[in-house]
Amino acid sequence: MTYVLAFMMCLSSPDGECRWMSFDLPDLRACSAMKRLVIAEARDEGFKVHAVCAPIAQQTSFNEEN
């Protein structure tokens, strides 16, 4: 199952510029590892960060018959 890592980083200053980003990752383990990395890097650069891993629904295909 594919997962998405979505996160928001905001500068700690009062005007607090924010950025939203996301990545598709192949599984929960990869998503969790990337989440830890993103949080550590963002905090090192002075950002407040909120991040979440969530499963991406599988697409199903179907044929419509008239």
PDB file of N, CA and C in Angstrom:
ATOM      1  N   MET A   1       0.843  -1.179   0.000  1.00  0.00           N
ATOM      2  CA  MET A   1       0.000   0.000   0.000  1.00  0.00           C
ATOM      3  C   MET A   1       0.888   1.242   0.000  1.00  0.00           C
ATOM      4  N   THR A   2       0.521   2.218  -0.781  1.00  0.00           N
ATOM      5  CA  THR A   2       1.265   3.476  -0.863  1.00  0.00           C
ATOM      6  C   THR A   2       0.794   4.433   0.232  1.00  0.00           C
ATOM      7  N   TYR A   3       1.731   5.196   0.774  1.00  0.00           N
ATOM      8  CA  TYR A   3       1.424   6.184   1.807  1.00  0.00           C
ATOM      9  C   TYR A   3       1.841   7.569   1.334  1.00  0.00           C
ATOM     10  N   VAL A   4       1.182   8.575   1.885  1.00  0.00           N
ATOM     11  CA  VAL A   4       1.570   9.953   1.623  1.00  0.00           C
ATOM     12  C   VAL A   4       2.064  10.552   2.936  1.00  0.00           C
ATOM     13  N   LEU A   5       3.172  11.279   2.851  1.00  0.00           N
ATOM     14  CA  LEU A   5       3.669  12.065   3.981  1.00  0.00           C
ATOM     15  C   LEU A   5       3.308  13.506   3.670  1.00  0.00           C
ATOM     16  N   ALA A   6       2.439  14.074   4.470  1.00  0.00           N
ATOM     17  CA  ALA A   6       2.049  15.481   4.297  1.00  0.00           C
ATOM     18  C   ALA A   6       2.545  16.248   5.509  1.00  0.00           C
ATOM     19  N   PHE A   7       3.112  17.423   5.255  1.00  0.00           N
ATOM     20  CA  PHE A   7       3.605  18.204   6.393  1.00  0.00           C
ATOM     21  C   PHE A   7       3.540  19.692   6.109  1.00  0.00           C
ATOM     22  N   MET A   8       3.483  20.444   7.205  1.00  0.00           N
ATOM     23  CA  MET A   8       3.479  21.896   7.159  1.00  0.00           C
ATOM     24  C   MET A   8       4.623  22.379   8.031  1.00  0.00           C
ATOM     25  N   MET A   9       5.423  23.283   7.477  1.00  0.00           N
ATOM     26  CA  MET A   9       6.529  23.884   8.226  1.00  0.00           C
ATOM     27  C   MET A   9       6.269  25.379   8.311  1.00  0.00           C
ATOM     28  N   CYS A  10       6.410  25.950   9.500  1.00  0.00           N
ATOM     29  CA  CYS A  10       6.229  27.395   9.689  1.00  0.00           C
ATOM     30  C   CYS A  10       7.444  27.959  10.406  1.00  0.00           C
ATOM     31  N   LEU A  11       7.877  29.142   9.975  1.00  0.00           N
ATOM     32  CA  LEU A  11       8.955  29.824  10.685  1.00  0.00           C
ATOM     33  C   LEU A  11       8.475  30.176  12.084  1.00  0.00           C
ATOM     34  N   SER A  12       9.376  30.159  13.031  1.00  0.00           N
ATOM     35  CA  SER A  12       9.031  30.433  14.424  1.00  0.00           C
ATOM     36  C   SER A  12       8.791  31.910  14.699  1.00  0.00           C
ATOM     37  N   SER A  13       9.084  32.786  13.744  1.00  0.00           N
ATOM     38  CA  SER A  13       8.896  34.226  13.946  1.00  0.00           C
ATOM     39  C   SER A  13       7.409  34.585  13.930  1.00  0.00           C
ATOM     40  N   PRO A  14       7.067  35.778  14.454  1.00  0.00           N
ATOM     41  CA  PRO A  14       5.658  36.184  14.521  1.00  0.00           C
ATOM     42  C   PRO A  14       4.941  36.203  13.158  1.00  0.00           C
ATOM     43  N   ASP A  15       5.649  36.586  12.086  1.00  0.00           N
ATOM     44  CA  ASP A  15       4.986  36.608  10.773  1.00  0.00           C
ATOM     45  C   ASP A  15       4.870  35.206  10.191  1.00  0.00           C
ATOM     46  N   GLY A  16       5.587  34.234  10.718  1.00  0.00           N
ATOM     47  CA  GLY A  16       5.486  32.809  10.471  1.00  0.00           C
ATOM     48  C   GLY A  16       5.142  32.328   9.077  1.00  0.00           C
ATOM     49  N   GLU A  17       6.005  32.557   8.108  1.00  0.00           N
ATOM     50  CA  GLU A  17       5.798  32.001   6.772  1.00  0.00           C
ATOM     51  C   GLU A  17       5.641  30.482   6.888  1.00  0.00           C
ATOM     52  N   CYS A  18       4.644  29.916   6.189  1.00  0.00           N
ATOM     53  CA  CYS A  18       4.405  28.474   6.231  1.00  0.00           C
ATOM     54  C   CYS A  18       4.514  27.866   4.842  1.00  0.00           C
ATOM     55  N   ARG A  19       4.895  26.605   4.805  1.00  0.00           N
ATOM     56  CA  ARG A  19       4.984  25.843   3.558  1.00  0.00           C
ATOM     57  C   ARG A  19       4.320  24.488   3.761  1.00  0.00           C
ATOM     58  N   TRP A  20       3.534  24.074   2.787  1.00  0.00           N
ATOM     59  CA  TRP A  20       2.939  22.734   2.761  1.00  0.00           C
ATOM     60  C   TRP A  20       3.696  21.904   1.741  1.00  0.00           C
ATOM     61  N   MET A  21       3.948  20.654   2.058  1.00  0.00           N
ATOM     62  CA  MET A  21       4.599  19.747   1.112  1.00  0.00           C
ATOM     63  C   MET A  21       4.073  18.336   1.343  1.00  0.00           C
ATOM     64  N   SER A  22       4.233  17.502   0.330  1.00  0.00           N
ATOM     65  CA  SER A  22       3.869  16.092   0.494  1.00  0.00           C
ATOM     66  C   SER A  22       4.716  15.219  -0.423  1.00  0.00           C
ATOM     67  N   PHE A  23       4.854  13.970  -0.010  1.00  0.00           N
ATOM     68  CA  PHE A  23       5.597  12.966  -0.778  1.00  0.00           C
ATOM     69  C   PHE A  23       4.810  11.668  -0.772  1.00  0.00           C
ATOM     70  N   ASP A  24       4.778  10.969  -1.887  1.00  0.00           N
ATOM     71  CA  ASP A  24       4.232   9.616  -1.935  1.00  0.00           C
ATOM     72  C   ASP A  24       5.372   8.654  -1.635  1.00  0.00           C
ATOM     73  N   LEU A  25       5.121   7.693  -0.744  1.00  0.00           N
ATOM     74  CA  LEU A  25       6.146   6.727  -0.358  1.00  0.00           C
ATOM     75  C   LEU A  25       5.569   5.317  -0.442  1.00  0.00           C
ATOM     76  N   PRO A  26       6.428   4.317  -0.683  1.00  0.00           N
ATOM     77  CA  PRO A  26       5.942   2.977  -0.998  1.00  0.00           C
ATOM     78  C   PRO A  26       5.292   2.203   0.149  1.00  0.00           C
ATOM     79  N   ASP A  27       5.623   2.556   1.393  1.00  0.00           N
ATOM     80  CA  ASP A  27       5.032   1.807   2.511  1.00  0.00           C
ATOM     81  C   ASP A  27       5.134   2.635   3.802  1.00  0.00           C
ATOM     82  N   LEU A  28       4.521   2.126   4.861  1.00  0.00           N
ATOM     83  CA  LEU A  28       4.484   2.854   6.132  1.00  0.00           C
ATOM     84  C   LEU A  28       5.879   3.020   6.730  1.00  0.00           C
ATOM     85  N   ARG A  29       6.718   2.016   6.604  1.00  0.00           N
ATOM     86  CA  ARG A  29       8.077   2.110   7.155  1.00  0.00           C
ATOM     87  C   ARG A  29       8.851   3.256   6.501  1.00  0.00           C
ATOM     88  N   ALA A  30       8.780   3.356   5.176  1.00  0.00           N
ATOM     89  CA  ALA A  30       9.460   4.444   4.459  1.00  0.00           C
ATOM     90  C   ALA A  30       8.870   5.796   4.831  1.00  0.00           C
ATOM     91  N   CYS A  31       7.554   5.840   4.979  1.00  0.00           N
ATOM     92  CA  CYS A  31       6.893   7.095   5.344  1.00  0.00           C
ATOM     93  C   CYS A  31       7.321   7.547   6.738  1.00  0.00           C
ATOM     94  N   SER A  32       7.355   6.618   7.681  1.00  0.00           N
ATOM     95  CA  SER A  32       7.756   6.954   9.055  1.00  0.00           C
ATOM     96  C   SER A  32       9.200   7.434   9.117  1.00  0.00           C
ATOM     97  N   ALA A  33      10.075   6.794   8.356  1.00  0.00           N
ATOM     98  CA  ALA A  33      11.483   7.201   8.334  1.00  0.00           C
ATOM     99  C   ALA A  33      11.631   8.602   7.743  1.00  0.00           C
ATOM    100  N   MET A  34      10.930   8.869   6.644  1.00  0.00           N
ATOM    101  CA  MET A  34      10.991  10.191   6.020  1.00  0.00           C
ATOM    102  C   MET A  34      10.394  11.245   6.944  1.00  0.00           C
ATOM    103  N   LYS A  35       9.350  10.894   7.657  1.00  0.00           N
ATOM    104  CA  LYS A  35       8.722  11.828   8.600  1.00  0.00           C
ATOM    105  C   LYS A  35       9.724  12.254   9.673  1.00  0.00           C
ATOM    106  N   ARG A  36      10.444  11.297  10.235  1.00  0.00           N
ATOM    107  CA  ARG A  36      11.455  11.628  11.260  1.00  0.00           C
ATOM    108  C   ARG A  36      12.528  12.539  10.687  1.00  0.00           C
ATOM    109  N   LEU A  37      12.970  12.250   9.467  1.00  0.00           N
ATOM    110  CA  LEU A  37      13.992  13.061   8.815  1.00  0.00           C
ATOM    111  C   LEU A  37      13.500  14.489   8.558  1.00  0.00           C
ATOM    112  N   VAL A  38      12.282  14.614   8.037  1.00  0.00           N
ATOM    113  CA  VAL A  38      11.709  15.939   7.752  1.00  0.00           C
ATOM    114  C   VAL A  38      11.588  16.751   9.033  1.00  0.00           C
ATOM    115  N   ILE A  39      11.091  16.141  10.086  1.00  0.00           N
ATOM    116  CA  ILE A  39      10.926  16.851  11.361  1.00  0.00           C
ATOM    117  C   ILE A  39      12.277  17.311  11.899  1.00  0.00           C
ATOM    118  N   ALA A  40      13.275  16.448  11.887  1.00  0.00           N
ATOM    119  CA  ALA A  40      14.606  16.814  12.396  1.00  0.00           C
ATOM    120  C   ALA A  40      15.217  17.952  11.582  1.00  0.00           C
ATOM    121  N   GLU A  41      15.163  17.844  10.249  1.00  0.00           N
ATOM    122  CA  GLU A  41      15.733  18.889   9.390  1.00  0.00           C
ATOM    123  C   GLU A  41      15.017  20.222   9.574  1.00  0.00           C
ATOM    124  N   ALA A  42      13.693  20.194   9.627  1.00  0.00           N
ATOM    125  CA  ALA A  42      12.915  21.428   9.772  1.00  0.00           C
ATOM    126  C   ALA A  42      13.223  22.111  11.107  1.00  0.00           C
ATOM    127  N   ARG A  43      13.278  21.336  12.163  1.00  0.00           N
ATOM    128  CA  ARG A  43      13.578  21.915  13.484  1.00  0.00           C
ATOM    129  C   ARG A  43      14.988  22.482  13.531  1.00  0.00           C
ATOM    130  N   ASP A  44      15.936  21.810  12.890  1.00  0.00           N
ATOM    131  CA  ASP A  44      17.312  22.317  12.835  1.00  0.00           C
ATOM    132  C   ASP A  44      17.381  23.676  12.138  1.00  0.00           C
ATOM    133  N   GLU A  45      16.465  23.907  11.193  1.00  0.00           N
ATOM    134  CA  GLU A  45      16.455  25.166  10.447  1.00  0.00           C
ATOM    135  C   GLU A  45      15.505  26.205  11.046  1.00  0.00           C
ATOM    136  N   GLY A  46      14.988  25.941  12.254  1.00  0.00           N
ATOM    137  CA  GLY A  46      14.171  26.923  12.962  1.00  0.00           C
ATOM    138  C   GLY A  46      12.689  26.921  12.616  1.00  0.00           C
ATOM    139  N   PHE A  47      12.193  25.842  12.012  1.00  0.00           N
ATOM    140  CA  PHE A  47      10.776  25.748  11.679  1.00  0.00           C
ATOM    141  C   PHE A  47      10.022  24.966  12.735  1.00  0.00           C
ATOM    142  N   LYS A  48       8.765  25.314  12.919  1.00  0.00           N
ATOM    143  CA  LYS A  48       7.830  24.454  13.624  1.00  0.00           C
ATOM    144  C   LYS A  48       7.267  23.540  12.542  1.00  0.00           C
ATOM    145  N   VAL A  49       7.080  22.268  12.856  1.00  0.00           N
ATOM    146  CA  VAL A  49       6.629  21.343  11.807  1.00  0.00           C
ATOM    147  C   VAL A  49       5.569  20.388  12.347  1.00  0.00           C
ATOM    148  N   HIS A  50       4.587  20.127  11.518  1.00  0.00           N
ATOM    149  CA  HIS A  50       3.543  19.132  11.799  1.00  0.00           C
ATOM    150  C   HIS A  50       3.536  18.187  10.609  1.00  0.00           C
ATOM    151  N   ALA A  51       3.584  16.882  10.875  1.00  0.00           N
ATOM    152  CA  ALA A  51       3.660  15.914   9.781  1.00  0.00           C
ATOM    153  C   ALA A  51       2.783  14.704  10.085  1.00  0.00           C
ATOM    154  N   VAL A  52       2.265  14.089   9.030  1.00  0.00           N
ATOM    155  CA  VAL A  52       1.424  12.899   9.190  1.00  0.00           C
ATOM    156  C   VAL A  52       1.640  11.960   8.000  1.00  0.00           C
ATOM    157  N   CYS A  53       1.618  10.665   8.287  1.00  0.00           N
ATOM    158  CA  CYS A  53       1.623   9.632   7.243  1.00  0.00           C
ATOM    159  C   CYS A  53       0.206   9.077   7.140  1.00  0.00           C
ATOM    160  N   ALA A  54      -0.271   8.933   5.921  1.00  0.00           N
ATOM    161  CA  ALA A  54      -1.620   8.398   5.717  1.00  0.00           C
ATOM    162  C   ALA A  54      -1.637   7.508   4.481  1.00  0.00           C
ATOM    163  N   PRO A  55      -2.428   6.419   4.537  1.00  0.00           N
ATOM    164  CA  PRO A  55      -2.510   5.540   3.367  1.00  0.00           C
ATOM    165  C   PRO A  55      -3.241   6.224   2.220  1.00  0.00           C
ATOM    166  N   ILE A  56      -2.813   5.917   1.016  1.00  0.00           N
ATOM    167  CA  ILE A  56      -3.490   6.416  -0.175  1.00  0.00           C
ATOM    168  C   ILE A  56      -4.426   5.304  -0.645  1.00  0.00           C
ATOM    169  N   ALA A  57      -5.675   5.625  -0.854  1.00  0.00           N
ATOM    170  CA  ALA A  57      -6.648   4.623  -1.296  1.00  0.00           C
ATOM    171  C   ALA A  57      -6.225   4.034  -2.638  1.00  0.00           C
ATOM    172  N   GLN A  58      -6.403   2.756  -2.767  1.00  0.00           N
ATOM    173  CA  GLN A  58      -6.082   2.081  -4.018  1.00  0.00           C
ATOM    174  C   GLN A  58      -7.124   2.437  -5.071  1.00  0.00           C
ATOM    175  N   GLN A  59      -6.664   2.729  -6.251  1.00  0.00           N
ATOM    176  CA  GLN A  59      -7.596   3.025  -7.347  1.00  0.00           C
ATOM    177  C   GLN A  59      -8.098   1.698  -7.920  1.00  0.00           C
ATOM    178  N   THR A  60      -9.366   1.688  -8.208  1.00  0.00           N
ATOM    179  CA  THR A  60      -9.918   0.507  -8.873  1.00  0.00           C
ATOM    180  C   THR A  60     -10.420   0.926 -10.235  1.00  0.00           C
ATOM    181  N   SER A  61     -10.298   0.057 -11.165  1.00  0.00           N
ATOM    182  CA  SER A  61     -10.801   0.368 -12.491  1.00  0.00           C
ATOM    183  C   SER A  61     -12.020  -0.501 -12.757  1.00  0.00           C
ATOM    184  N   PHE A  62     -12.895  -0.001 -13.565  1.00  0.00           N
ATOM    185  CA  PHE A  62     -14.079  -0.773 -13.916  1.00  0.00           C
ATOM    186  C   PHE A  62     -14.521  -0.389 -15.310  1.00  0.00           C
ATOM    187  N   ASN A  63     -15.247  -1.255 -15.924  1.00  0.00           N
ATOM    188  CA  ASN A  63     -15.778  -1.007 -17.271  1.00  0.00           C
ATOM    189  C   ASN A  63     -17.277  -0.808 -17.162  1.00  0.00           C
ATOM    190  N   GLU A  64     -17.746   0.278 -17.734  1.00  0.00           N
ATOM    191  CA  GLU A  64     -19.170   0.518 -17.786  1.00  0.00           C
ATOM    192  C   GLU A  64     -19.727  -0.143 -19.030  1.00  0.00           C
ATOM    193  N   GLU A  65     -20.780  -0.884 -18.841  1.00  0.00           N
ATOM    194  CA  GLU A  65     -21.440  -1.485 -20.000  1.00  0.00           C
ATOM    195  C   GLU A  65     -22.746  -0.764 -20.218  1.00  0.00           C
ATOM    196  N   ASN A  66     -23.009  -0.433 -21.475  1.00  0.00           N
ATOM    197  CA  ASN A  66     -24.250   0.287 -21.796  1.00  0.00           C
ATOM    198  C   ASN A  66     -25.400  -0.680 -21.935  1.00  0.00           C
TER     199      ASN A  66
END
